[in-house]
N, C-alpha and C. Protein backbone atom coordinates (compact mmCIF):
# COMPACT_ATOMS: atom_id res chain seq x y z
N LYS A 1 -14.84 21.42 -25.87
CA LYS A 1 -14.96 21.63 -26.93
C LYS A 1 -13.80 21.03 -27.90
N SER A 2 -14.08 19.86 -28.70
CA SER A 2 -12.82 19.66 -29.50
C SER A 2 -13.39 20.69 -31.39
N PHE A 3 -12.15 20.78 -31.59
CA PHE A 3 -12.08 21.46 -32.87
C PHE A 3 -11.67 20.71 -34.01
N SER A 4 -12.45 21.12 -35.24
CA SER A 4 -11.52 20.32 -36.33
C SER A 4 -10.68 20.95 -37.02
N LYS A 5 -9.84 20.46 -38.28
CA LYS A 5 -8.93 21.37 -38.63
C LYS A 5 -9.14 22.39 -38.78
N ASN A 6 -10.33 22.53 -39.84
CA ASN A 6 -10.55 23.72 -40.04
C ASN A 6 -10.53 25.42 -39.55
N ASP A 7 -11.26 24.56 -37.80
CA ASP A 7 -11.80 25.38 -36.83
C ASP A 7 -10.40 26.07 -36.59
N LYS A 8 -9.73 27.51 -36.24
CA LYS A 8 -8.76 28.00 -35.16
C LYS A 8 -9.33 28.59 -34.40
N PRO A 9 -9.19 28.12 -32.88
CA PRO A 9 -9.89 28.70 -31.88
C PRO A 9 -9.14 29.88 -31.56
N SER A 10 -10.35 30.59 -31.08
CA SER A 10 -9.46 32.23 -30.46
C SER A 10 -8.83 31.80 -28.84
N PHE A 11 -8.15 32.83 -28.86
CA PHE A 11 -7.46 32.73 -27.45
C PHE A 11 -8.51 32.69 -26.38
N SER A 12 -9.38 33.14 -26.32
CA SER A 12 -10.37 33.24 -25.00
C SER A 12 -11.26 31.62 -24.87
N GLN A 13 -11.32 30.77 -26.26
CA GLN A 13 -11.78 29.48 -26.36
C GLN A 13 -10.46 28.73 -25.85
N LYS A 14 -9.53 28.99 -26.37
CA LYS A 14 -8.40 28.16 -25.33
C LYS A 14 -8.39 28.05 -24.31
N LEU A 15 -8.62 29.43 -23.49
CA LEU A 15 -8.32 29.56 -22.16
C LEU A 15 -9.25 29.02 -21.72
N SER A 16 -10.75 29.13 -21.99
CA SER A 16 -11.83 28.04 -21.34
C SER A 16 -11.58 27.00 -21.15
N THR A 17 -11.03 26.24 -22.11
CA THR A 17 -10.96 24.80 -22.63
C THR A 17 -9.50 24.43 -21.52
N ILE A 18 -8.69 25.10 -21.39
CA ILE A 18 -7.30 24.98 -19.97
C ILE A 18 -7.77 25.34 -18.69
N VAL A 19 -9.13 26.37 -18.74
CA VAL A 19 -9.45 26.68 -16.88
C VAL A 19 -10.26 25.20 -16.69
N ALA A 20 -11.41 24.98 -18.10
CA ALA A 20 -12.29 23.98 -17.37
C ALA A 20 -11.45 22.64 -17.11
N THR A 21 -10.44 22.29 -17.40
CA THR A 21 -9.35 21.07 -17.79
C THR A 21 -9.16 21.61 -16.12
N ILE A 22 -8.41 22.50 -15.43
CA ILE A 22 -7.87 22.81 -14.73
C ILE A 22 -8.48 22.99 -13.40
N SER A 23 -10.03 23.23 -13.63
CA SER A 23 -10.88 23.33 -12.43
C SER A 23 -11.38 21.95 -12.33
N GLU A 24 -11.48 21.11 -13.35
CA GLU A 24 -11.77 19.56 -13.22
C GLU A 24 -10.81 18.81 -12.49
N GLN A 25 -9.48 18.85 -12.62
CA GLN A 25 -7.79 18.32 -12.07
C GLN A 25 -8.34 19.03 -10.25
N MET A 26 -8.57 20.00 -10.34
CA MET A 26 -8.78 21.10 -9.21
C MET A 26 -9.95 20.40 -8.34
N MET A 27 -11.09 20.00 -8.70
CA MET A 27 -12.26 19.36 -8.36
C MET A 27 -12.00 18.26 -7.30
N THR A 28 -11.57 17.41 -8.59
CA THR A 28 -10.98 16.24 -8.19
C THR A 28 -9.98 15.99 -7.35
N MET A 29 -9.16 17.18 -7.21
CA MET A 29 -8.10 16.89 -5.86
C MET A 29 -8.48 17.11 -4.51
N ILE A 30 -9.13 18.33 -4.64
CA ILE A 30 -9.99 18.56 -3.44
C ILE A 30 -11.15 17.60 -2.83
N LEU A 31 -11.70 17.29 -3.55
CA LEU A 31 -12.81 16.04 -2.79
C LEU A 31 -11.71 14.82 -2.50
N ARG A 32 -10.73 14.36 -3.14
CA ARG A 32 -9.97 13.39 -2.76
C ARG A 32 -9.51 13.90 -1.10
N ILE A 33 -8.75 14.72 -0.99
CA ILE A 33 -8.52 15.32 0.19
C ILE A 33 -9.57 15.61 1.20
N VAL A 34 -10.57 16.03 0.78
CA VAL A 34 -11.90 15.94 1.70
C VAL A 34 -12.05 14.44 2.20
N CYS A 35 -12.09 13.62 1.21
CA CYS A 35 -12.44 11.92 1.71
C CYS A 35 -11.56 12.02 2.39
N LEU A 36 -10.14 11.82 2.37
CA LEU A 36 -9.27 11.55 3.28
C LEU A 36 -9.10 12.17 4.71
N VAL A 37 -9.33 13.54 4.68
CA VAL A 37 -9.66 14.24 6.12
C VAL A 37 -10.56 13.95 7.04
N LEU A 38 -11.95 14.08 6.11
CA LEU A 38 -13.06 13.98 6.81
C LEU A 38 -13.52 12.40 6.65
N LEU A 39 -14.19 11.87 5.43
CA LEU A 39 -14.61 10.90 5.35
C LEU A 39 -13.93 9.88 5.28
N CYS A 40 -12.88 9.72 5.01
CA CYS A 40 -12.55 8.43 5.59
C CYS A 40 -11.53 8.19 6.18
N LYS A 41 -11.51 9.16 7.63
CA LYS A 41 -10.75 9.20 8.82
C LYS A 41 -11.17 7.68 9.55
N ASN A 42 -12.35 7.74 9.71
CA ASN A 42 -12.42 6.17 10.68
C ASN A 42 -11.89 5.09 10.01
N ILE A 43 -12.00 4.89 8.40
CA ILE A 43 -11.14 3.73 7.83
C ILE A 43 -9.76 3.65 8.15
N PHE A 44 -8.82 4.81 8.41
CA PHE A 44 -7.56 4.90 8.30
C PHE A 44 -7.21 5.37 9.91
N ALA A 45 -8.18 5.08 10.73
CA ALA A 45 -7.61 5.10 12.23
C ALA A 45 -6.88 4.33 12.84
N CYS A 46 -5.73 4.89 14.14
CA CYS A 46 -4.53 4.36 14.33
C CYS A 46 -4.87 4.17 15.87
N ASN A 47 -6.00 3.20 16.03
CA ASN A 47 -6.21 3.05 17.58
C ASN A 47 -6.13 1.78 17.88
N ARG A 48 -5.74 1.05 18.85
CA ARG A 48 -6.18 -0.10 19.73
C ARG A 48 -7.18 -1.14 18.57
N GLY A 49 -6.59 -1.91 18.04
CA GLY A 49 -7.49 -2.69 17.34
C GLY A 49 -7.90 -2.32 16.18
N ASP A 50 -7.37 -0.95 15.91
CA ASP A 50 -7.88 -0.66 13.80
C ASP A 50 -6.98 -1.26 13.22
N SER A 51 -7.02 -1.55 12.01
CA SER A 51 -6.71 -2.02 10.85
C SER A 51 -4.93 -1.42 10.81
N VAL A 52 -4.60 0.01 10.88
CA VAL A 52 -3.57 0.81 10.79
C VAL A 52 -2.38 0.42 11.99
N TRP A 53 -3.12 0.22 13.12
CA TRP A 53 -2.65 0.13 14.52
C TRP A 53 -2.01 -1.35 14.45
N ASP A 54 -2.76 -2.36 13.93
CA ASP A 54 -2.15 -3.85 13.84
C ASP A 54 -1.20 -3.74 12.03
N SER A 55 -1.42 -2.81 11.62
CA SER A 55 -0.29 -3.22 9.98
C SER A 55 1.27 -3.32 10.63
N LEU A 56 1.34 -4.47 9.73
CA LEU A 56 3.01 -4.83 9.90
C LEU A 56 4.53 -3.88 9.25
N ALA A 57 4.87 -3.61 9.97
CA ALA A 57 6.05 -2.85 9.12
C ALA A 57 7.48 -3.21 9.55
N THR A 58 8.50 -3.24 8.64
CA THR A 58 9.64 -4.20 8.94
C THR A 58 10.70 -2.99 8.36
N ASP A 59 11.60 -3.18 9.61
CA ASP A 59 13.02 -2.93 9.35
C ASP A 59 14.20 -3.76 9.76
N GLY A 60 15.39 -3.08 9.90
CA GLY A 60 16.34 -3.46 10.64
C GLY A 60 16.12 -4.37 11.75
N ASP A 61 15.02 -3.82 12.85
CA ASP A 61 14.96 -4.78 13.74
C ASP A 61 13.90 -5.45 14.08
N GLY A 62 13.06 -5.82 12.62
CA GLY A 62 12.31 -7.06 12.59
C GLY A 62 10.79 -6.28 11.99
N THR A 63 9.53 -7.03 12.10
CA THR A 63 8.71 -6.90 11.82
C THR A 63 8.03 -7.20 13.10
N HIS A 64 7.34 -5.63 13.15
CA HIS A 64 6.66 -5.54 14.25
C HIS A 64 5.11 -4.40 13.70
N SER A 65 4.04 -4.18 14.39
CA SER A 65 2.99 -3.89 13.90
C SER A 65 2.90 -2.21 14.08
N CYS A 66 2.22 -1.26 13.72
CA CYS A 66 2.92 -0.02 13.96
C CYS A 66 2.39 0.36 15.67
N GLY A 67 1.52 -0.34 16.37
CA GLY A 67 0.59 -0.24 17.85
C GLY A 67 2.12 -0.51 18.12
N ASN A 68 2.59 -2.00 18.43
CA ASN A 68 3.84 -2.65 19.07
C ASN A 68 4.79 -1.57 19.14
N ARG A 69 5.01 -1.13 17.68
CA ARG A 69 6.27 -0.02 17.83
C ARG A 69 5.85 1.61 19.05
N ILE A 70 4.85 1.85 18.47
CA ILE A 70 4.77 2.88 19.47
C ILE A 70 4.60 2.68 20.97
N ASP A 71 4.04 1.41 21.59
CA ASP A 71 4.34 0.66 22.82
C ASP A 71 5.82 0.55 23.32
N TRP A 72 6.17 0.19 22.06
CA TRP A 72 7.73 0.10 22.65
C TRP A 72 8.43 1.15 23.41
N LEU A 73 8.22 2.48 22.41
CA LEU A 73 9.06 3.43 22.50
C LEU A 73 8.10 4.25 23.40
N GLN A 74 7.08 4.06 23.96
CA GLN A 74 6.90 4.64 25.59
C GLN A 74 7.30 3.49 26.52
N SER A 75 7.84 2.73 26.36
CA SER A 75 8.51 1.63 27.72
C SER A 75 9.71 2.35 27.76
N SER A 76 10.22 2.04 28.91
CA SER A 76 11.64 2.38 29.57
C SER A 76 12.50 1.63 28.63
N ASP A 77 12.40 0.78 28.12
CA ASP A 77 13.85 0.20 26.91
C ASP A 77 13.48 1.05 25.74
N GLY A 78 12.39 1.25 25.52
CA GLY A 78 12.48 2.48 24.00
C GLY A 78 12.51 3.64 24.15
N GLY A 79 12.72 4.61 25.22
CA GLY A 79 13.03 5.35 25.19
C GLY A 79 12.14 6.68 26.28
N SER A 80 10.81 5.96 27.21
CA SER A 80 9.74 6.65 27.62
C SER A 80 9.40 7.86 26.94
N LYS A 81 9.43 7.39 25.67
CA LYS A 81 8.89 8.80 24.76
C LYS A 81 7.29 8.80 25.40
N THR A 82 6.49 9.99 25.21
CA THR A 82 5.17 10.55 25.32
C THR A 82 4.46 9.73 24.08
N GLU A 83 3.09 9.53 24.04
CA GLU A 83 2.56 9.05 23.16
C GLU A 83 2.67 9.89 22.11
N GLU A 84 2.36 11.19 21.62
CA GLU A 84 2.89 12.13 20.74
C GLU A 84 3.78 11.61 20.24
N GLN A 85 5.07 11.91 20.94
CA GLN A 85 6.46 11.17 20.61
C GLN A 85 6.33 10.00 19.48
N ALA A 86 5.89 9.05 20.40
CA ALA A 86 6.05 7.83 20.03
C ALA A 86 5.31 7.62 18.25
N ARG A 87 4.28 8.21 18.66
CA ARG A 87 3.19 8.20 17.38
C ARG A 87 3.95 9.14 16.06
N ASN A 88 4.64 10.15 16.47
CA ASN A 88 4.99 10.89 15.54
C ASN A 88 6.05 10.07 15.07
N GLN A 89 7.14 9.32 15.24
CA GLN A 89 8.48 8.74 15.29
C GLN A 89 8.02 7.55 14.37
N VAL A 90 6.93 6.82 14.97
CA VAL A 90 6.56 5.78 13.94
C VAL A 90 5.74 6.09 12.64
N ALA A 91 5.06 7.15 12.68
CA ALA A 91 4.58 7.43 11.44
C ALA A 91 5.69 7.93 10.70
N GLY A 92 6.50 8.99 10.86
CA GLY A 92 7.80 9.05 10.45
C GLY A 92 8.33 8.08 9.71
N GLU A 93 9.06 7.37 10.34
CA GLU A 93 9.79 5.76 10.43
C GLU A 93 8.87 5.29 8.77
N PHE A 94 7.56 5.17 9.08
CA PHE A 94 6.95 4.28 8.00
C PHE A 94 5.65 4.94 7.52
N PRO A 95 5.72 6.01 6.83
CA PRO A 95 4.78 6.71 6.45
C PRO A 95 3.64 5.93 5.74
N SER A 96 4.04 5.20 5.03
CA SER A 96 3.06 4.62 4.00
C SER A 96 2.15 3.37 5.02
N ILE A 97 2.64 2.83 5.87
CA ILE A 97 2.21 1.89 6.55
C ILE A 97 1.61 2.76 7.80
N CYS A 98 2.35 3.52 8.54
CA CYS A 98 1.62 3.75 10.27
C CYS A 98 1.40 5.69 9.93
N GLY A 99 1.37 6.02 8.87
CA GLY A 99 1.09 7.45 8.81
C GLY A 99 0.31 7.63 9.48
N ALA A 100 -1.02 7.11 9.53
CA ALA A 100 -2.30 7.45 10.26
C ALA A 100 -2.53 7.76 11.69
N CYS A 101 -0.89 7.04 12.23
CA CYS A 101 -0.80 7.19 13.52
C CYS A 101 -0.66 8.85 13.99
N PHE A 102 0.02 9.53 12.95
CA PHE A 102 0.64 10.78 13.66
C PHE A 102 -0.03 11.47 14.70
N SER A 103 0.49 12.21 15.32
CA SER A 103 -0.19 12.60 16.67
C SER A 103 -1.12 13.03 16.35
N THR A 104 -1.63 14.01 15.43
CA THR A 104 -2.98 15.10 15.19
C THR A 104 -3.78 13.73 14.84
N ASN A 105 -3.49 12.57 14.58
CA ASN A 105 -4.80 11.67 14.44
C ASN A 105 -5.27 10.96 15.70
N ILE A 106 -4.69 11.42 17.23
CA ILE A 106 -5.31 10.61 18.14
C ILE A 106 -6.47 11.15 18.26
N PRO A 107 -7.46 10.10 18.67
CA PRO A 107 -9.08 10.34 18.91
C PRO A 107 -8.78 11.07 20.40
N THR A 108 -10.02 11.47 20.35
CA THR A 108 -10.44 12.32 21.73
C THR A 108 -11.41 11.23 22.35
N SER A 109 -12.15 10.93 21.85
CA SER A 109 -12.81 9.36 22.13
C SER A 109 -13.03 8.44 21.05
N ARG A 110 -13.21 7.40 21.50
CA ARG A 110 -13.55 6.20 20.79
C ARG A 110 -14.88 5.46 21.17
N SER A 111 -15.53 5.58 19.75
CA SER A 111 -16.88 5.04 19.42
C SER A 111 -16.95 3.62 19.64
N THR A 112 -17.86 2.72 20.16
CA THR A 112 -17.92 1.54 20.02
C THR A 112 -19.20 0.82 19.74
């Protein structure tokens, strides 16, 4: 509710307005989190052939896809890391590009 210049809202009216605003912001935040965690999981998947796996990340060693970086870290030249270690390292080094590769996002099965 908007108040005119002559209206002086009571404390409870002010509090109600604040709570409504906070509640709306919280609901928006909760919906975004639900979307990212549940609904959008397949959009941002990090599996061979998926968009994140093939996304390019550049550093001093050059431009390579998230997946190529994970594969290299698992090779003997890259340190023979486990898949979990490799995914976590790449996701940590390039969070905005390869963040979906974090090990908790490893699929148990891939639907085709």
